[in-house]
Amino acid sequence: MADYGVSANRLELLQIADAVAREKSIDKSVVLHAMEEAITKAAKARYGAENEIVAEIDPRSGETRLQRLLLVVEEVENEATQISLADAQRRNPAANIGDQIAESLPPIEFGRIAAQNAKQVIVQKVRDAERDRMYAEYKDRIGEIVHGAVKRVEYGNVIVDLGRGEGIIRRDESLPRETFRPGDRVRAYVYDVRREQRGPQIFLSRTHPEFMARLFGQEVPEIYDGVVEVVSVARDPGSRAKIAVRSKDGSIDPVGACVGMRGSRVQAVVNELQGEKIDIIQWTQDVASFVVNALAPAEVSKVVLDEESERIEVVVPDEQLSLAIGRRGQNVRLASQLTGWDIDIMTEAEESERRQKEFAARTELFVSALDVDETLAQLLASEGFATVEEVAYVDAREVASIEGLDDSTAEELQNRAREFLDRQAAELDARRVELGVLDELKEIDGLTPAMLVALGEAGLKSVEDLAGCDTDELIGWTERKAGGAVKHKGAFTDLEVSAEEANDLIMKARIHAGWIEAPVEPEATEEEGEVEA
């Protein structure tokens, strides 16, 4: 390219710049600027690197001007870059100190080394411009599907020619058992574009959940038009996937739209994904119904939601257990990813056994705490009493209304329950003192003796310690990883404290410690007072 420039006349120079710009899909001015830098570098080699030399190429005529810039000063210290005010005014009477005077230089003849250096400068500048253009173009295409031809395969990574750029499908982003050869056409999802030393890298994926969502968008006009929406996707790439869809138009069935006539639309996606089986599920706002739908084809007989920890227990008939779990846990894992809830699956027999264990545990608790026989303890448990606190502090009439109990028996049971709780509180307080938990924490309204012991066991011993906590440190948190959810315990994990209650305790501690001010209760207006009166 620059080899032509050694002997190129003005017209040829513009033609070369135009050809390079078209070939590399970059602006012609970038190529001309690179040529100017190359000529500048050669001129500095000819006249001395200490000179401030500027080369300009006229973009219309191709004429090259070479100039040396001199700074106007009172006293010249460097003749290569400075000129005295008197000399400058002889050339331009309007010159002042601080101005720059341009001195024309004769054109230079490129020697072999100068030509080679110029070529390197131009090639590098053009390559940089090409990289900038590619990055600018593809950084805005993250989230799109692109088409390309396989250029080469290196160690399992597929290099794809995208026409105006080059993308890479890494081994872990391609479908299992999928092989490519140079020249094969391929579709992939752009999930990242990064600047790197060797140029911008366009990262492509065929395993990304959004790739499936975009494929459905191409095959299903209702999704493309926005009438049907893909809410979430869960994939076990190359094997099985679940996709949840909903319709914004009550007259359109979202599942039917995605399946298509005789399954034509979903089959097109399946073929693109090398036979990956796809379950299309209707999204619903009711979490329980959504989870039941997500576990299809298994049938569910009962669900129990724990909204605080986003966990759901699903009970299935004994013969449906293996279908609900799926091969290597695939079905329940995909359903969990799709819904965002942790799913525990158990059979009806297992649930019945668990209920019996819970009933036996409550019965045993009442026998030991209230010093009653097993029959009375079972009676309390069957009436729905789960803790000694409930027996101690419910309305006495509620206990007396249990068949076979009279008022005096109910009163005696409640007295025994309160005595048990008092003994337990004394033991817990002794344990708190042993752990070094300060008395000041007892002043925080809502902290029970059991909570104070739990704080001490977690190393939180003062009001400031509690004030410096966040909610997760108290109730624990769930970390979602590729292999599933990992649960981290907090100080109150075993005490069934909600996030709202934990946050309230932290705020009270911060107010008590003087870190923040207590919120001011809004005063009732005169009008409101009259209405209330």
Protein backbone atom coordinates (compact mmCIF):
# COMPACT_ATOMS: atom_id res chain seq x y z
CA MET A 1 0.00 0.00 0.00
CA ALA A 2 2.66 2.53 1.09
CA ASP A 3 4.99 1.01 -1.53
CA TYR A 4 2.79 2.69 -4.16
CA GLY A 5 3.09 5.92 -2.21
CA VAL A 6 6.88 6.11 -2.70
CA SER A 7 6.51 7.20 -6.28
CA ALA A 8 2.80 7.93 -6.34
CA ASN A 9 1.67 11.18 -7.87
CA ARG A 10 -1.07 13.24 -6.23
CA LEU A 11 -3.97 11.51 -8.02
CA GLU A 12 -2.61 8.02 -7.24
CA LEU A 13 -2.29 8.96 -3.57
CA LEU A 14 -6.02 9.73 -3.33
CA GLN A 15 -6.92 6.59 -5.30
CA ILE A 16 -4.85 4.44 -2.93
CA ALA A 17 -6.48 6.05 0.13
CA ASP A 18 -9.93 5.52 -1.41
CA ALA A 19 -9.23 1.84 -2.21
CA VAL A 20 -7.89 1.09 1.29
CA ALA A 21 -10.87 2.84 2.94
CA ARG A 22 -13.33 0.77 0.87
CA GLU A 23 -11.48 -2.50 1.45
CA LYS A 24 -11.29 -2.04 5.24
CA SER A 25 -14.72 -0.35 5.60
CA ILE A 26 -13.23 2.71 7.31
CA ASP A 27 -13.37 6.44 6.62
CA LYS A 28 -11.08 7.76 3.86
CA SER A 29 -9.95 10.62 6.13
CA VAL A 30 -8.49 8.03 8.54
CA VAL A 31 -6.29 6.60 5.77
CA LEU A 32 -5.16 10.10 4.69
CA HIS A 33 -4.37 10.97 8.31
CA ALA A 34 -2.28 7.77 8.58
CA MET A 35 -0.39 8.79 5.41
CA GLU A 36 0.23 12.25 6.90
CA GLU A 37 1.71 10.65 10.04
CA ALA A 38 3.90 8.39 7.89
CA ILE A 39 5.25 11.38 5.90
CA THR A 40 5.78 13.31 9.17
CA LYS A 41 7.80 10.42 10.60
CA ALA A 42 9.94 10.22 7.44
CA ALA A 43 10.49 14.00 7.44
CA LYS A 44 11.63 13.93 11.09
CA ALA A 45 14.11 11.22 10.18
CA ARG A 46 15.39 13.44 7.34
CA TYR A 47 15.45 16.85 9.12
CA GLY A 48 15.95 15.74 12.73
CA ALA A 49 13.55 14.36 15.35
CA GLU A 50 13.85 17.54 17.43
CA ASN A 51 11.94 19.52 14.75
CA GLU A 52 8.19 20.06 15.07
CA ILE A 53 7.11 18.95 11.58
CA VAL A 54 3.57 18.66 10.22
CA ALA A 55 2.52 17.02 6.94
CA GLU A 56 -0.83 17.80 5.30
CA ILE A 57 -2.49 16.06 2.36
CA ASP A 58 -5.24 18.02 0.57
CA PRO A 59 -8.19 15.57 0.41
CA ARG A 60 -9.40 17.12 -2.89
CA SER A 61 -6.21 17.59 -4.88
CA GLY A 62 -3.88 15.11 -3.17
CA GLU A 63 -1.18 17.81 -2.86
CA THR A 64 1.22 17.23 0.06
CA ARG A 65 2.52 20.15 2.13
CA LEU A 66 5.39 19.78 4.57
CA GLN A 67 5.89 22.47 7.23
CA ARG A 68 8.07 23.07 10.25
CA LEU A 69 6.41 24.86 13.18
CA LEU A 70 8.43 27.43 15.16
CA LEU A 71 7.29 29.03 18.44
CA VAL A 72 7.79 32.83 18.66
CA VAL A 73 9.85 33.67 21.78
CA GLU A 74 11.85 36.62 23.11
CA GLU A 75 15.07 34.66 23.47
CA VAL A 76 15.77 31.60 21.33
CA GLU A 77 17.01 28.57 23.31
CA ASN A 78 16.34 25.87 20.69
CA GLU A 79 16.67 26.89 17.03
CA ALA A 80 14.91 23.73 15.86
CA THR A 81 11.60 24.66 17.51
CA GLN A 82 11.84 28.39 18.33
CA ILE A 83 12.23 31.71 16.47
CA SER A 84 12.90 35.20 17.81
CA LEU A 85 10.18 37.85 17.66
CA ALA A 86 12.28 40.04 15.29
CA ASP A 87 12.83 37.18 12.78
CA ALA A 88 9.18 36.16 12.99
CA GLN A 89 7.96 39.72 12.30
CA ARG A 90 10.18 39.89 9.23
CA ARG A 91 8.18 36.95 7.85
CA ASN A 92 4.84 38.03 9.29
CA PRO A 93 4.51 41.54 10.75
CA ALA A 94 1.46 40.44 12.80
CA ALA A 95 3.45 37.79 14.74
CA ASN A 96 3.46 38.00 18.54
CA ILE A 97 5.20 36.08 21.32
CA GLY A 98 3.46 32.70 21.82
CA ASP A 99 2.35 32.40 18.18
CA GLN A 100 3.55 29.63 15.87
CA ILE A 101 5.15 30.37 12.52
CA ALA A 102 4.89 27.71 9.77
CA GLU A 103 7.98 27.32 7.62
CA SER A 104 7.55 25.40 4.35
CA LEU A 105 9.96 22.49 3.74
CA PRO A 106 10.83 20.96 0.37
CA PRO A 107 9.26 17.53 -0.42
CA ILE A 108 11.38 14.59 0.61
CA GLU A 109 12.41 11.57 -1.38
CA PHE A 110 11.57 8.29 0.40
CA GLY A 111 14.52 5.97 0.80
CA ARG A 112 14.06 2.22 1.27
CA ILE A 113 14.09 2.42 5.10
CA ALA A 114 11.87 5.52 5.20
CA ALA A 115 9.37 3.85 2.87
CA GLN A 116 9.32 0.74 5.04
CA ASN A 117 8.76 2.81 8.19
CA ALA A 118 6.00 4.76 6.47
CA LYS A 119 4.31 1.55 5.42
CA GLN A 120 4.39 0.24 9.02
CA VAL A 121 2.82 3.46 10.32
CA ILE A 122 0.04 3.38 7.74
CA VAL A 123 -0.70 -0.35 8.25
CA GLN A 124 -0.86 0.11 12.04
CA LYS A 125 -3.10 3.18 11.85
CA VAL A 126 -5.44 1.49 9.38
CA ARG A 127 -5.58 -1.63 11.60
CA ASP A 128 -6.40 0.51 14.67
CA ALA A 129 -9.13 2.32 12.75
CA GLU A 130 -10.52 -1.00 11.55
CA ARG A 131 -10.63 -2.30 15.16
CA ASP A 132 -12.35 0.88 16.40
CA ARG A 133 -14.93 0.58 13.63
CA MET A 134 -15.58 -3.08 14.43
CA TYR A 135 -15.92 -2.39 18.19
CA ALA A 136 -18.25 0.57 17.61
CA GLU A 137 -20.42 -1.52 15.30
CA TYR A 138 -20.72 -4.68 17.41
CA LYS A 139 -20.87 -3.21 20.95
CA ASP A 140 -24.39 -2.04 20.09
CA ARG A 141 -25.33 -5.49 18.77
CA ILE A 142 -24.97 -7.34 22.08
CA GLY A 143 -28.16 -9.37 22.48
CA GLU A 144 -28.64 -9.95 18.74
CA ILE A 145 -28.34 -13.09 16.63
CA VAL A 146 -25.68 -12.87 13.91
CA HIS A 147 -24.97 -15.07 10.89
CA GLY A 148 -21.53 -16.00 9.64
CA ALA A 149 -19.33 -18.59 8.02
CA VAL A 150 -16.88 -20.75 9.96
CA LYS A 151 -13.38 -19.48 9.19
CA ARG A 152 -11.38 -22.01 11.23
CA VAL A 153 -11.56 -24.19 14.34
CA GLU A 154 -8.81 -23.84 16.96
CA TYR A 155 -8.74 -26.22 19.96
CA GLY A 156 -12.52 -26.53 19.94
CA ASN A 157 -13.06 -22.74 19.59
CA VAL A 158 -14.88 -21.76 16.41
CA ILE A 159 -13.76 -18.57 14.62
CA VAL A 160 -16.68 -17.11 12.63
CA ASP A 161 -16.35 -14.64 9.77
CA LEU A 162 -19.18 -12.13 10.22
CA GLY A 163 -18.35 -10.15 7.07
CA ARG A 164 -17.33 -6.89 8.76
CA GLY A 165 -15.80 -8.59 11.80
CA GLU A 166 -14.70 -11.85 13.31
CA GLY A 167 -16.43 -13.59 16.23
CA ILE A 168 -15.49 -16.53 18.41
CA ILE A 169 -17.67 -19.35 19.76
CA ARG A 170 -15.68 -20.81 22.65
CA ARG A 171 -15.85 -24.52 23.30
CA ASP A 172 -18.09 -24.07 26.37
CA GLU A 173 -20.48 -21.83 24.37
CA SER A 174 -21.13 -24.41 21.63
CA LEU A 175 -23.62 -27.27 21.86
CA PRO A 176 -22.34 -30.70 22.96
CA ARG A 177 -21.41 -33.05 20.11
CA GLU A 178 -21.76 -30.16 17.63
CA THR A 179 -18.95 -30.03 15.06
CA PHE A 180 -18.11 -27.34 12.53
CA ARG A 181 -15.92 -27.29 9.46
CA PRO A 182 -14.54 -24.27 7.58
CA GLY A 183 -17.21 -22.82 5.32
CA ASP A 184 -20.20 -24.01 7.41
CA ARG A 185 -22.91 -21.39 7.94
CA VAL A 186 -23.68 -20.70 11.60
CA ARG A 187 -26.09 -18.60 13.70
CA ALA A 188 -25.07 -17.44 17.17
CA TYR A 189 -25.94 -14.95 19.91
CA VAL A 190 -23.66 -11.96 20.63
CA TYR A 191 -23.30 -11.95 24.42
CA ASP A 192 -20.21 -9.77 24.86
CA VAL A 193 -17.86 -7.46 22.94
CA ARG A 194 -14.59 -6.49 24.61
CA ARG A 195 -11.56 -4.43 23.66
CA GLU A 196 -8.40 -6.50 23.93
CA GLN A 197 -4.77 -5.94 22.92
CA ARG A 198 -5.15 -7.98 19.77
CA GLY A 199 -8.28 -6.05 18.84
CA PRO A 200 -11.96 -6.18 19.77
CA GLN A 201 -13.22 -9.67 20.58
CA ILE A 202 -16.81 -10.55 19.64
CA PHE A 203 -17.96 -13.41 21.86
CA LEU A 204 -20.71 -15.60 20.45
CA SER A 205 -22.81 -18.31 22.08
CA ARG A 206 -25.15 -21.09 21.05
CA THR A 207 -25.81 -22.24 24.62
CA HIS A 208 -27.00 -18.92 26.10
CA PRO A 209 -30.69 -18.96 27.22
CA GLU A 210 -31.30 -15.72 25.32
CA PHE A 211 -30.19 -17.43 22.08
CA MET A 212 -33.29 -19.63 22.30
CA ALA A 213 -35.50 -16.64 23.15
CA ARG A 214 -34.18 -14.78 20.07
CA LEU A 215 -34.67 -17.83 17.84
CA PHE A 216 -38.32 -17.98 18.90
CA GLY A 217 -38.52 -14.25 18.15
CA GLN A 218 -37.40 -15.00 14.58
CA GLU A 219 -39.79 -17.93 14.11
CA VAL A 220 -42.90 -16.58 15.91
CA PRO A 221 -44.37 -13.36 14.46
CA GLU A 222 -46.39 -12.76 17.65
CA ILE A 223 -43.15 -12.56 19.69
CA TYR A 224 -41.52 -10.30 17.08
CA ASP A 225 -44.58 -8.00 17.20
CA GLY A 226 -44.53 -7.95 21.03
CA VAL A 227 -47.97 -9.56 21.46
CA VAL A 228 -46.41 -12.67 23.03
CA GLU A 229 -43.51 -12.19 25.46
CA VAL A 230 -40.77 -14.64 26.46
CA VAL A 231 -40.59 -14.25 30.25
CA SER A 232 -37.77 -16.67 31.08
CA VAL A 233 -35.71 -19.49 29.59
CA ALA A 234 -33.86 -22.37 31.25
CA ARG A 235 -31.58 -24.61 29.21
CA ASP A 236 -29.54 -27.75 29.51
CA PRO A 237 -27.82 -27.05 26.16
CA GLY A 238 -28.21 -29.75 23.54
CA SER A 239 -30.50 -31.85 25.77
CA ARG A 240 -33.59 -30.08 27.09
CA ALA A 241 -35.02 -26.62 27.72
CA LYS A 242 -38.04 -24.91 29.22
CA ILE A 243 -39.35 -21.56 28.03
CA ALA A 244 -42.09 -19.54 29.79
CA VAL A 245 -44.28 -17.29 27.62
CA ARG A 246 -47.25 -15.01 28.22
CA SER A 247 -49.68 -13.17 25.98
CA LYS A 248 -50.61 -9.50 26.20
CA ASP A 249 -53.74 -10.24 24.17
CA GLY A 250 -56.30 -12.49 25.86
CA SER A 251 -57.46 -13.85 22.49
CA ILE A 252 -54.02 -15.29 21.63
CA ASP A 253 -52.75 -18.52 23.15
CA PRO A 254 -49.01 -17.93 23.76
CA VAL A 255 -48.13 -21.65 23.87
CA GLY A 256 -50.03 -22.38 20.65
CA ALA A 257 -48.37 -19.41 18.91
CA CYS A 258 -44.91 -20.75 19.80
CA VAL A 259 -45.74 -24.33 18.80
CA GLY A 260 -47.17 -23.32 15.42
CA MET A 261 -49.20 -25.35 12.94
CA ARG A 262 -48.32 -29.01 13.54
CA GLY A 263 -45.36 -27.89 15.60
CA SER A 264 -43.64 -26.18 12.66
CA ARG A 265 -42.36 -23.15 14.61
CA VAL A 266 -40.95 -25.00 17.61
CA GLN A 267 -39.49 -27.66 15.29
CA ALA A 268 -37.51 -24.98 13.44
CA VAL A 269 -35.90 -23.96 16.75
CA VAL A 270 -35.32 -27.60 17.76
CA ASN A 271 -33.55 -28.26 14.44
CA GLU A 272 -31.29 -25.21 14.91
CA LEU A 273 -30.36 -26.46 18.40
CA GLN A 274 -29.45 -29.98 17.28
CA GLY A 275 -32.62 -31.67 18.55
CA GLU A 276 -32.80 -30.01 21.99
CA LYS A 277 -36.22 -30.91 23.48
CA ILE A 278 -38.23 -27.81 24.40
CA ASP A 279 -41.11 -27.55 26.91
CA ILE A 280 -43.19 -24.41 26.27
CA ILE A 281 -44.95 -23.27 29.45
CA GLN A 282 -47.56 -20.59 29.98
CA TRP A 283 -46.37 -18.01 32.52
CA THR A 284 -48.80 -17.05 35.26
CA GLN A 285 -48.54 -14.52 38.08
CA ASP A 286 -49.57 -17.17 40.61
CA VAL A 287 -46.26 -18.71 41.67
CA ALA A 288 -47.77 -22.04 42.71
CA SER A 289 -49.49 -22.51 39.33
CA PHE A 290 -46.35 -21.43 37.48
CA VAL A 291 -44.20 -23.96 39.34
CA VAL A 292 -46.77 -26.71 38.70
CA ASN A 293 -46.73 -25.82 34.96
CA ALA A 294 -42.92 -25.73 34.94
CA LEU A 295 -42.68 -29.26 36.33
CA ALA A 296 -44.65 -30.66 33.38
CA PRO A 297 -45.01 -33.42 32.27
CA ALA A 298 -45.13 -34.52 35.95
CA GLU A 299 -48.44 -34.19 37.83
CA VAL A 300 -48.45 -32.30 41.15
CA SER A 301 -50.91 -33.00 43.96
CA LYS A 302 -49.92 -30.24 46.45
CA VAL A 303 -47.61 -27.22 46.81
CA VAL A 304 -46.48 -25.31 49.91
CA LEU A 305 -44.89 -21.87 49.40
CA ASP A 306 -42.28 -20.20 51.59
CA GLU A 307 -42.17 -16.70 50.10
CA GLU A 308 -39.53 -15.42 52.54
CA SER A 309 -36.82 -17.79 51.30
CA GLU A 310 -38.33 -18.22 47.79
CA ARG A 311 -38.66 -21.93 48.39
CA ILE A 312 -41.53 -24.18 47.39
CA GLU A 313 -42.35 -27.72 48.48
CA VAL A 314 -44.02 -29.84 45.82
CA VAL A 315 -45.82 -33.06 46.67
CA VAL A 316 -46.28 -35.58 43.82
CA PRO A 317 -47.83 -39.05 43.69
CA ASP A 318 -45.26 -41.81 44.37
CA GLU A 319 -45.29 -43.02 40.75
CA GLN A 320 -44.63 -39.45 39.46
CA LEU A 321 -41.45 -38.83 41.50
CA SER A 322 -38.90 -39.94 38.89
CA LEU A 323 -40.74 -38.00 36.16
CA ALA A 324 -40.84 -34.83 38.29
CA ILE A 325 -37.14 -35.03 39.14
CA GLY A 326 -36.09 -36.09 35.64
CA ARG A 327 -32.92 -37.80 34.51
CA ARG A 328 -30.03 -36.62 36.74
CA GLY A 329 -32.43 -34.06 38.28
CA GLN A 330 -32.81 -32.27 34.95
CA ASN A 331 -36.57 -31.57 35.07
CA VAL A 332 -36.64 -30.06 38.58
CA ARG A 333 -33.39 -28.15 37.97
CA LEU A 334 -34.74 -26.50 34.80
CA ALA A 335 -38.07 -25.75 36.51
CA SER A 336 -36.16 -24.08 39.37
CA GLN A 337 -34.08 -21.97 36.96
CA LEU A 338 -37.19 -21.02 34.98
CA THR A 339 -39.24 -19.89 38.00
CA GLY A 340 -36.41 -18.54 40.18
CA TRP A 341 -37.66 -20.60 43.14
CA ASP A 342 -35.90 -23.44 44.96
CA ILE A 343 -38.06 -26.54 44.53
CA ASP A 344 -38.15 -29.44 46.99
CA ILE A 345 -39.94 -32.50 45.65
CA MET A 346 -41.37 -35.22 47.86
CA THR A 347 -43.84 -38.04 47.44
CA GLU A 348 -47.20 -38.20 49.20
CA ALA A 349 -45.81 -41.00 51.39
CA GLU A 350 -42.78 -38.88 52.36
CA GLU A 351 -45.00 -35.90 53.17
CA SER A 352 -47.26 -38.09 55.33
CA GLU A 353 -44.23 -39.45 57.16
CA ARG A 354 -42.89 -35.93 57.74
CA ARG A 355 -46.25 -34.76 59.12
CA GLN A 356 -46.27 -37.69 61.51
CA LYS A 357 -42.73 -36.84 62.66
CA GLU A 358 -43.71 -33.19 63.23
CA PHE A 359 -46.80 -34.33 65.18
CA ALA A 360 -44.67 -36.67 67.31
CA ALA A 361 -42.10 -33.90 67.95
CA ARG A 362 -44.82 -31.45 69.08
CA THR A 363 -46.39 -34.12 71.29
CA GLU A 364 -43.01 -34.83 72.90
CA LEU A 365 -42.44 -31.09 73.45
CA PHE A 366 -45.78 -30.69 75.27
CA VAL A 367 -45.19 -33.82 77.39
CA SER A 368 -41.81 -32.55 78.64
CA ALA A 369 -42.62 -28.82 78.88
CA LEU A 370 -46.14 -29.02 80.38
CA ASP A 371 -45.68 -32.25 82.36
CA VAL A 372 -48.85 -33.81 80.88
CA ASP A 373 -49.59 -37.30 79.61
CA GLU A 374 -49.22 -38.27 75.94
CA THR A 375 -52.96 -38.24 75.27
CA LEU A 376 -53.37 -34.59 76.32
CA ALA A 377 -50.18 -33.60 74.49
CA GLN A 378 -51.51 -35.25 71.28
CA LEU A 379 -54.81 -33.44 71.76
CA LEU A 380 -53.02 -30.06 71.87
CA ALA A 381 -50.92 -30.94 68.82
CA SER A 382 -53.94 -32.10 66.81
CA GLU A 383 -55.74 -28.82 67.64
CA GLY A 384 -52.97 -26.92 65.82
CA PHE A 385 -50.81 -25.79 68.75
CA ALA A 386 -47.19 -25.88 67.55
CA THR A 387 -45.23 -24.14 70.33
CA VAL A 388 -45.36 -23.68 74.10
CA GLU A 389 -45.71 -19.91 73.54
CA GLU A 390 -48.99 -20.48 71.71
CA VAL A 391 -50.38 -22.47 74.66
CA ALA A 392 -49.16 -19.86 77.16
CA TYR A 393 -50.45 -16.71 75.52
CA VAL A 394 -53.58 -17.55 73.50
CA ASP A 395 -56.96 -16.61 74.91
CA ALA A 396 -57.80 -19.01 77.77
CA ARG A 397 -61.19 -19.70 76.18
CA GLU A 398 -59.43 -21.11 73.11
CA VAL A 399 -57.67 -23.74 75.24
CA ALA A 400 -60.81 -24.42 77.29
CA SER A 401 -62.82 -24.98 74.07
CA ILE A 402 -60.78 -28.10 73.26
CA GLU A 403 -63.02 -31.15 73.73
CA GLY A 404 -62.38 -32.80 77.11
CA LEU A 405 -60.85 -29.71 78.78
CA ASP A 406 -62.55 -27.43 81.29
CA ASP A 407 -61.62 -23.88 82.44
CA SER A 408 -59.52 -25.01 85.43
CA THR A 409 -57.52 -27.50 83.29
CA ALA A 410 -56.94 -24.82 80.63
CA GLU A 411 -55.74 -22.36 83.30
CA GLU A 412 -53.38 -24.95 84.77
CA LEU A 413 -51.94 -25.75 81.30
CA GLN A 414 -51.30 -22.05 80.64
CA ASN A 415 -49.65 -21.58 84.05
CA ARG A 416 -47.33 -24.54 83.39
CA ALA A 417 -46.52 -23.18 79.92
CA ARG A 418 -45.58 -19.76 81.36
CA GLU A 419 -43.47 -21.34 84.12
CA PHE A 420 -41.61 -23.38 81.47
CA LEU A 421 -40.97 -20.26 79.37
CA ASP A 422 -39.73 -18.36 82.44
CA ARG A 423 -37.27 -21.17 83.27
CA GLN A 424 -36.15 -21.28 79.63
CA ALA A 425 -35.68 -17.48 79.56
CA ALA A 426 -33.55 -17.64 82.75
CA GLU A 427 -31.34 -20.36 81.21
CA LEU A 428 -30.98 -18.37 77.99
CA ASP A 429 -30.10 -15.19 79.93
CA ALA A 430 -27.39 -17.08 81.83
CA ARG A 431 -26.04 -18.33 78.49
CA ARG A 432 -26.14 -14.73 77.13
CA VAL A 433 -24.03 -13.49 80.07
CA GLU A 434 -21.63 -16.40 79.56
CA LEU A 435 -21.21 -15.40 75.89
CA GLY A 436 -20.44 -11.79 76.87
CA VAL A 437 -23.52 -10.21 75.26
CA LEU A 438 -23.98 -6.78 76.88
CA ASP A 439 -27.12 -5.86 78.84
CA GLU A 440 -27.64 -2.85 76.56
CA LEU A 441 -28.88 -5.20 73.81
CA LYS A 442 -31.80 -6.24 76.04
CA GLU A 443 -33.10 -2.67 75.65
CA ILE A 444 -33.72 -3.22 71.91
CA ASP A 445 -37.44 -3.90 71.64
CA GLY A 446 -38.13 -7.19 69.82
CA LEU A 447 -34.93 -9.06 70.73
CA THR A 448 -35.91 -12.28 72.52
CA PRO A 449 -33.60 -14.20 74.91
CA ALA A 450 -33.07 -16.81 72.16
CA MET A 451 -32.08 -14.05 69.71
CA LEU A 452 -29.61 -12.56 72.22
CA VAL A 453 -27.92 -15.98 72.61
CA ALA A 454 -27.85 -16.41 68.80
CA LEU A 455 -26.19 -12.97 68.46
CA GLY A 456 -23.58 -13.93 71.06
CA GLU A 457 -22.82 -17.21 69.27
CA ALA A 458 -22.34 -15.18 66.06
CA GLY A 459 -19.90 -12.83 67.83
CA LEU A 460 -22.31 -9.86 67.95
CA LYS A 461 -22.19 -8.62 71.56
CA SER A 462 -23.07 -4.91 71.58
CA VAL A 463 -25.62 -2.49 70.15
CA GLU A 464 -22.93 -1.21 67.74
CA ASP A 465 -22.26 -4.76 66.52
CA LEU A 466 -25.94 -5.22 65.69
CA ALA A 467 -26.20 -1.73 64.18
CA GLY A 468 -23.32 -2.54 61.81
CA CYS A 469 -25.03 -5.68 60.45
CA ASP A 470 -26.98 -6.05 57.25
CA THR A 471 -30.10 -8.19 56.91
CA ASP A 472 -28.27 -11.10 55.25
CA GLU A 473 -25.89 -11.43 58.22
CA LEU A 474 -28.89 -12.06 60.46
CA ILE A 475 -31.19 -14.27 58.36
CA GLY A 476 -28.66 -15.74 55.89
CA TRP A 477 -28.70 -15.59 52.10
CA THR A 478 -28.87 -17.83 49.06
CA GLU A 479 -26.11 -17.71 46.45
CA ARG A 480 -27.20 -18.98 43.05
CA LYS A 481 -24.52 -20.85 41.11
CA ALA A 482 -24.50 -22.89 37.94
CA GLY A 483 -24.67 -26.10 39.96
CA GLY A 484 -27.66 -24.89 42.01
CA ALA A 485 -28.30 -22.71 45.05
CA VAL A 486 -25.87 -22.51 47.99
CA LYS A 487 -27.38 -21.43 51.33
CA HIS A 488 -25.32 -19.35 53.77
CA LYS A 489 -26.50 -19.24 57.40
CA GLY A 490 -27.07 -16.07 59.42
CA ALA A 491 -27.26 -15.51 63.18
CA PHE A 492 -31.07 -15.99 63.20
CA THR A 493 -31.35 -18.72 60.53
CA ASP A 494 -32.70 -21.28 63.03
CA LEU A 495 -35.12 -18.85 64.68
CA GLU A 496 -37.53 -18.21 61.79
CA VAL A 497 -36.96 -14.43 61.74
CA SER A 498 -38.20 -12.66 58.57
CA ALA A 499 -36.14 -10.17 56.56
CA GLU A 500 -38.54 -7.39 57.58
CA GLU A 501 -38.18 -8.22 61.29
CA ALA A 502 -34.37 -8.44 61.01
CA ASN A 503 -34.19 -5.08 59.22
CA ASP A 504 -36.44 -3.52 61.89
CA LEU A 505 -34.10 -4.75 64.67
CA ILE A 506 -31.05 -3.32 62.86
CA MET A 507 -32.74 0.08 62.45
CA LYS A 508 -33.67 0.12 66.16
CA ALA A 509 -30.05 -0.65 67.06
CA ARG A 510 -28.81 2.21 64.84
CA ILE A 511 -31.24 4.63 66.49
CA HIS A 512 -30.21 3.37 69.96
CA ALA A 513 -26.51 3.78 69.05
CA GLY A 514 -27.15 7.35 67.85
CA TRP A 515 -26.13 6.61 64.25
CA ILE A 516 -29.45 7.84 62.88
CA GLU A 517 -32.40 9.76 64.28
CA ALA A 518 -35.70 8.11 65.07
CA PRO A 519 -38.35 8.92 62.44
CA VAL A 520 -40.73 11.64 63.59
CA GLU A 521 -44.35 10.47 63.78
CA PRO A 522 -46.55 12.82 61.70
CA GLU A 523 -48.84 14.87 63.95
CA ALA A 524 -52.55 14.39 63.43
CA THR A 525 -54.20 17.47 61.92
CA GLU A 526 -57.11 19.15 63.64
CA GLU A 527 -59.46 17.85 60.96
CA GLU A 528 -58.21 14.26 61.37
CA GLY A 529 -58.58 14.61 65.16
CA GLU A 530 -62.19 15.70 64.76
CA VAL A 531 -62.96 12.79 62.44
CA GLU A 532 -61.35 10.31 64.85
CA ALA A 533 -63.22 11.86 67.76
